[in-house]
Amino acid sequence: MSNDDHKNCPYCDEPIKLKAVKCKHCHSMLIVDNVEKSMINQSSNNLQNDNKKLRDGDEAEGDTIDWFLGLSLIVFIGFALVWLVVFSML
């Protein structure tokens, strides 16, 4: 058995294939570890990209949407107040 195509199980430390999804010795699921690691790496990359945009003076992706929703809410409240004042005078 060569070390190039095997690794040790993180749970029982027995040798398993690199692409193994489940340990044949202790029956632990290994794919969860790979999925969690990829999700953590993706989140980390997204945070690094947002931080880089902020350092470079670019807006982060969510800032424009937040600003637009806030402005829309202010305009809606303004129209509602005008409508209340106009119809309360009738």
N, C-alpha and C. Protein backbone atom coordinates (compact mmCIF):
# COMPACT_ATOMS: atom_id res chain seq x y z
N MET A 1 0.86 -1.18 0.00
CA MET A 1 0.00 0.00 0.00
C MET A 1 0.90 1.24 0.00
N SER A 2 0.75 2.09 -1.03
CA SER A 2 1.59 3.28 -1.09
C SER A 2 0.91 4.44 -0.36
N ASN A 3 1.73 5.34 0.17
CA ASN A 3 1.22 6.49 0.92
C ASN A 3 0.63 7.55 0.00
N ASP A 4 0.94 7.46 -1.32
CA ASP A 4 0.45 8.48 -2.25
C ASP A 4 -1.06 8.42 -2.45
N ASP A 5 -1.65 7.25 -2.36
CA ASP A 5 -3.08 7.14 -2.60
C ASP A 5 -3.87 6.83 -1.32
N HIS A 6 -3.24 6.96 -0.17
CA HIS A 6 -3.91 6.70 1.11
C HIS A 6 -3.63 7.81 2.12
N LYS A 7 -4.50 7.93 3.07
CA LYS A 7 -4.35 8.84 4.20
C LYS A 7 -4.87 8.12 5.43
N ASN A 8 -4.69 8.70 6.60
CA ASN A 8 -5.20 8.10 7.83
C ASN A 8 -6.57 8.68 8.16
N CYS A 9 -7.45 7.83 8.62
CA CYS A 9 -8.78 8.26 9.06
C CYS A 9 -8.62 9.21 10.25
N PRO A 10 -9.33 10.35 10.26
CA PRO A 10 -9.22 11.30 11.37
C PRO A 10 -9.83 10.77 12.67
N TYR A 11 -10.62 9.69 12.59
CA TYR A 11 -11.30 9.17 13.77
C TYR A 11 -10.58 7.97 14.38
N CYS A 12 -10.15 7.02 13.52
CA CYS A 12 -9.52 5.81 14.06
C CYS A 12 -8.05 5.69 13.69
N ASP A 13 -7.55 6.57 12.85
CA ASP A 13 -6.15 6.63 12.45
C ASP A 13 -5.71 5.42 11.62
N GLU A 14 -6.63 4.71 11.03
CA GLU A 14 -6.30 3.59 10.15
C GLU A 14 -6.15 4.12 8.73
N PRO A 15 -5.34 3.47 7.90
CA PRO A 15 -5.16 3.95 6.51
C PRO A 15 -6.42 3.73 5.68
N ILE A 16 -6.79 4.76 4.92
CA ILE A 16 -7.95 4.71 4.03
C ILE A 16 -7.57 5.39 2.72
N LYS A 17 -8.34 5.16 1.66
CA LYS A 17 -8.07 5.79 0.37
C LYS A 17 -8.35 7.29 0.46
N LEU A 18 -7.63 8.06 -0.36
CA LEU A 18 -7.79 9.52 -0.36
C LEU A 18 -9.22 9.94 -0.70
N LYS A 19 -9.87 9.24 -1.60
CA LYS A 19 -11.22 9.61 -2.04
C LYS A 19 -12.31 8.91 -1.24
N ALA A 20 -11.94 8.30 -0.13
CA ALA A 20 -12.93 7.57 0.68
C ALA A 20 -13.98 8.52 1.23
N VAL A 21 -15.22 8.06 1.23
CA VAL A 21 -16.34 8.81 1.78
C VAL A 21 -16.66 8.31 3.19
N LYS A 22 -16.38 7.03 3.40
CA LYS A 22 -16.67 6.39 4.69
C LYS A 22 -15.49 5.50 5.05
N CYS A 23 -15.06 5.55 6.31
CA CYS A 23 -13.94 4.72 6.75
C CYS A 23 -14.38 3.26 6.81
N LYS A 24 -13.58 2.38 6.20
CA LYS A 24 -13.93 0.96 6.20
C LYS A 24 -13.62 0.29 7.54
N HIS A 25 -12.90 0.98 8.42
CA HIS A 25 -12.53 0.40 9.71
C HIS A 25 -13.52 0.79 10.81
N CYS A 26 -13.76 2.10 10.96
CA CYS A 26 -14.64 2.57 12.04
C CYS A 26 -16.01 3.01 11.53
N HIS A 27 -16.20 3.01 10.18
CA HIS A 27 -17.47 3.36 9.53
C HIS A 27 -17.87 4.83 9.74
N SER A 28 -16.92 5.69 10.02
CA SER A 28 -17.20 7.12 10.15
C SER A 28 -17.36 7.75 8.77
N MET A 29 -18.31 8.66 8.66
CA MET A 29 -18.52 9.38 7.41
C MET A 29 -17.46 10.47 7.29
N LEU A 30 -16.76 10.49 6.17
CA LEU A 30 -15.69 11.45 5.96
C LEU A 30 -16.09 12.58 5.04
N ILE A 31 -17.13 12.40 4.25
CA ILE A 31 -17.55 13.43 3.30
C ILE A 31 -18.02 14.69 4.03
N VAL A 32 -18.57 14.57 5.21
CA VAL A 32 -19.03 15.73 5.98
C VAL A 32 -17.85 16.65 6.26
N ASP A 33 -16.72 16.06 6.60
CA ASP A 33 -15.53 16.87 6.84
C ASP A 33 -15.13 17.66 5.61
N ASN A 34 -15.17 17.01 4.44
CA ASN A 34 -14.80 17.69 3.21
C ASN A 34 -15.78 18.80 2.86
N VAL A 35 -17.08 18.56 3.05
CA VAL A 35 -18.08 19.58 2.76
C VAL A 35 -17.93 20.76 3.72
N GLU A 36 -17.75 20.49 5.00
CA GLU A 36 -17.57 21.56 5.98
C GLU A 36 -16.33 22.38 5.66
N LYS A 37 -15.24 21.73 5.30
CA LYS A 37 -14.01 22.44 4.97
C LYS A 37 -14.20 23.33 3.75
N SER A 38 -14.90 22.82 2.73
CA SER A 38 -15.11 23.63 1.53
C SER A 38 -16.02 24.82 1.83
N MET A 39 -17.03 24.63 2.71
CA MET A 39 -17.91 25.74 3.08
C MET A 39 -17.15 26.80 3.86
N ILE A 40 -16.28 26.36 4.77
CA ILE A 40 -15.47 27.30 5.55
C ILE A 40 -14.52 28.06 4.63
N ASN A 41 -13.89 27.36 3.69
CA ASN A 41 -12.98 28.01 2.75
C ASN A 41 -13.72 29.02 1.89
N GLN A 42 -14.93 28.66 1.43
CA GLN A 42 -15.71 29.57 0.59
C GLN A 42 -16.11 30.81 1.38
N SER A 43 -16.55 30.64 2.63
CA SER A 43 -16.92 31.78 3.46
C SER A 43 -15.72 32.68 3.71
N SER A 44 -14.59 32.06 3.96
CA SER A 44 -13.37 32.82 4.20
C SER A 44 -12.99 33.62 2.96
N ASN A 45 -13.10 32.99 1.78
CA ASN A 45 -12.78 33.70 0.54
C ASN A 45 -13.73 34.86 0.30
N ASN A 46 -15.03 34.68 0.59
CA ASN A 46 -16.00 35.76 0.43
C ASN A 46 -15.68 36.93 1.34
N LEU A 47 -15.32 36.64 2.60
CA LEU A 47 -14.95 37.71 3.54
C LEU A 47 -13.70 38.44 3.08
N GLN A 48 -12.72 37.70 2.59
CA GLN A 48 -11.50 38.33 2.11
C GLN A 48 -11.79 39.23 0.91
N ASN A 49 -12.66 38.77 0.00
CA ASN A 49 -13.02 39.59 -1.16
C ASN A 49 -13.75 40.86 -0.74
N ASP A 50 -14.69 40.75 0.21
CA ASP A 50 -15.41 41.94 0.69
C ASP A 50 -14.46 42.91 1.38
N ASN A 51 -13.54 42.38 2.19
CA ASN A 51 -12.56 43.25 2.86
C ASN A 51 -11.66 43.94 1.84
N LYS A 52 -11.27 43.23 0.79
CA LYS A 52 -10.44 43.83 -0.24
C LYS A 52 -11.20 44.94 -0.95
N LYS A 53 -12.49 44.71 -1.26
CA LYS A 53 -13.29 45.74 -1.91
C LYS A 53 -13.40 46.98 -1.03
N LEU A 54 -13.60 46.77 0.27
CA LEU A 54 -13.71 47.91 1.18
C LEU A 54 -12.39 48.67 1.27
N ARG A 55 -11.27 47.95 1.31
CA ARG A 55 -9.96 48.61 1.36
C ARG A 55 -9.70 49.39 0.09
N ASP A 56 -10.14 48.86 -1.05
CA ASP A 56 -9.90 49.51 -2.33
C ASP A 56 -10.89 50.63 -2.61
N GLY A 57 -11.87 50.79 -1.73
CA GLY A 57 -12.86 51.85 -1.91
C GLY A 57 -14.08 51.41 -2.68
N ASP A 58 -14.13 50.17 -3.10
CA ASP A 58 -15.30 49.66 -3.80
C ASP A 58 -16.37 49.30 -2.77
N GLU A 59 -17.61 49.36 -3.20
CA GLU A 59 -18.70 48.97 -2.31
C GLU A 59 -18.77 47.46 -2.23
N ALA A 60 -19.11 46.96 -1.06
CA ALA A 60 -19.39 45.53 -0.93
C ALA A 60 -20.71 45.26 -1.63
N GLU A 61 -20.94 44.03 -2.05
CA GLU A 61 -22.11 43.69 -2.86
C GLU A 61 -23.42 44.03 -2.16
N GLY A 62 -23.54 43.80 -0.87
CA GLY A 62 -24.79 44.01 -0.17
C GLY A 62 -25.08 45.46 0.15
N ASP A 63 -24.07 46.34 0.10
CA ASP A 63 -24.27 47.74 0.48
C ASP A 63 -25.26 48.45 -0.43
N THR A 64 -25.17 48.22 -1.72
CA THR A 64 -26.06 48.89 -2.68
C THR A 64 -27.50 48.46 -2.45
N ILE A 65 -27.71 47.19 -2.22
CA ILE A 65 -29.06 46.68 -1.99
C ILE A 65 -29.62 47.26 -0.70
N ASP A 66 -28.82 47.29 0.37
CA ASP A 66 -29.27 47.85 1.64
C ASP A 66 -29.63 49.33 1.48
N TRP A 67 -28.84 50.08 0.76
CA TRP A 67 -29.09 51.49 0.56
C TRP A 67 -30.40 51.68 -0.22
N PHE A 68 -30.60 50.89 -1.26
CA PHE A 68 -31.81 51.00 -2.07
C PHE A 68 -33.05 50.67 -1.26
N LEU A 69 -33.00 49.60 -0.45
CA LEU A 69 -34.15 49.22 0.37
C LEU A 69 -34.46 50.29 1.42
N GLY A 70 -33.44 50.87 1.99
CA GLY A 70 -33.65 51.95 2.96
C GLY A 70 -34.31 53.16 2.33
N LEU A 71 -33.83 53.55 1.16
CA LEU A 71 -34.42 54.68 0.45
C LEU A 71 -35.86 54.39 0.06
N SER A 72 -36.12 53.18 -0.40
CA SER A 72 -37.49 52.80 -0.77
C SER A 72 -38.43 52.88 0.43
N LEU A 73 -37.96 52.46 1.57
CA LEU A 73 -38.77 52.51 2.78
C LEU A 73 -39.08 53.96 3.17
N ILE A 74 -38.11 54.83 3.06
CA ILE A 74 -38.32 56.25 3.39
C ILE A 74 -39.33 56.87 2.43
N VAL A 75 -39.23 56.56 1.14
CA VAL A 75 -40.18 57.10 0.16
C VAL A 75 -41.58 56.57 0.44
N PHE A 76 -41.70 55.30 0.75
CA PHE A 76 -43.00 54.71 1.05
C PHE A 76 -43.63 55.37 2.27
N ILE A 77 -42.87 55.57 3.32
CA ILE A 77 -43.39 56.22 4.53
C ILE A 77 -43.80 57.66 4.23
N GLY A 78 -43.03 58.34 3.39
CA GLY A 78 -43.37 59.71 2.99
C GLY A 78 -44.71 59.77 2.27
N PHE A 79 -44.90 58.87 1.30
CA PHE A 79 -46.18 58.84 0.58
C PHE A 79 -47.33 58.48 1.51
N ALA A 80 -47.09 57.56 2.45
CA ALA A 80 -48.15 57.18 3.38
C ALA A 80 -48.55 58.36 4.26
N LEU A 81 -47.58 59.14 4.72
CA LEU A 81 -47.89 60.32 5.54
C LEU A 81 -48.66 61.37 4.74
N VAL A 82 -48.24 61.61 3.50
CA VAL A 82 -48.94 62.57 2.65
C VAL A 82 -50.37 62.09 2.42
N TRP A 83 -50.56 60.82 2.14
CA TRP A 83 -51.89 60.28 1.92
C TRP A 83 -52.76 60.44 3.16
N LEU A 84 -52.20 60.18 4.36
CA LEU A 84 -52.97 60.36 5.60
C LEU A 84 -53.37 61.81 5.81
N VAL A 85 -52.45 62.72 5.53
CA VAL A 85 -52.77 64.15 5.73
C VAL A 85 -53.83 64.58 4.75
N VAL A 86 -53.71 64.19 3.49
CA VAL A 86 -54.67 64.63 2.46
C VAL A 86 -56.06 64.07 2.76
N PHE A 87 -56.17 62.79 3.09
CA PHE A 87 -57.46 62.21 3.32
C PHE A 87 -58.04 62.53 4.70
N SER A 88 -57.23 62.98 5.61
CA SER A 88 -57.77 63.40 6.90
C SER A 88 -58.44 64.78 6.80
N MET A 89 -58.07 65.56 5.77
CA MET A 89 -58.66 66.87 5.58
C MET A 89 -60.02 66.78 4.90
N LEU A 90 -60.34 65.68 4.27
CA LEU A 90 -61.61 65.56 3.54
C LEU A 90 -62.78 65.39 4.46
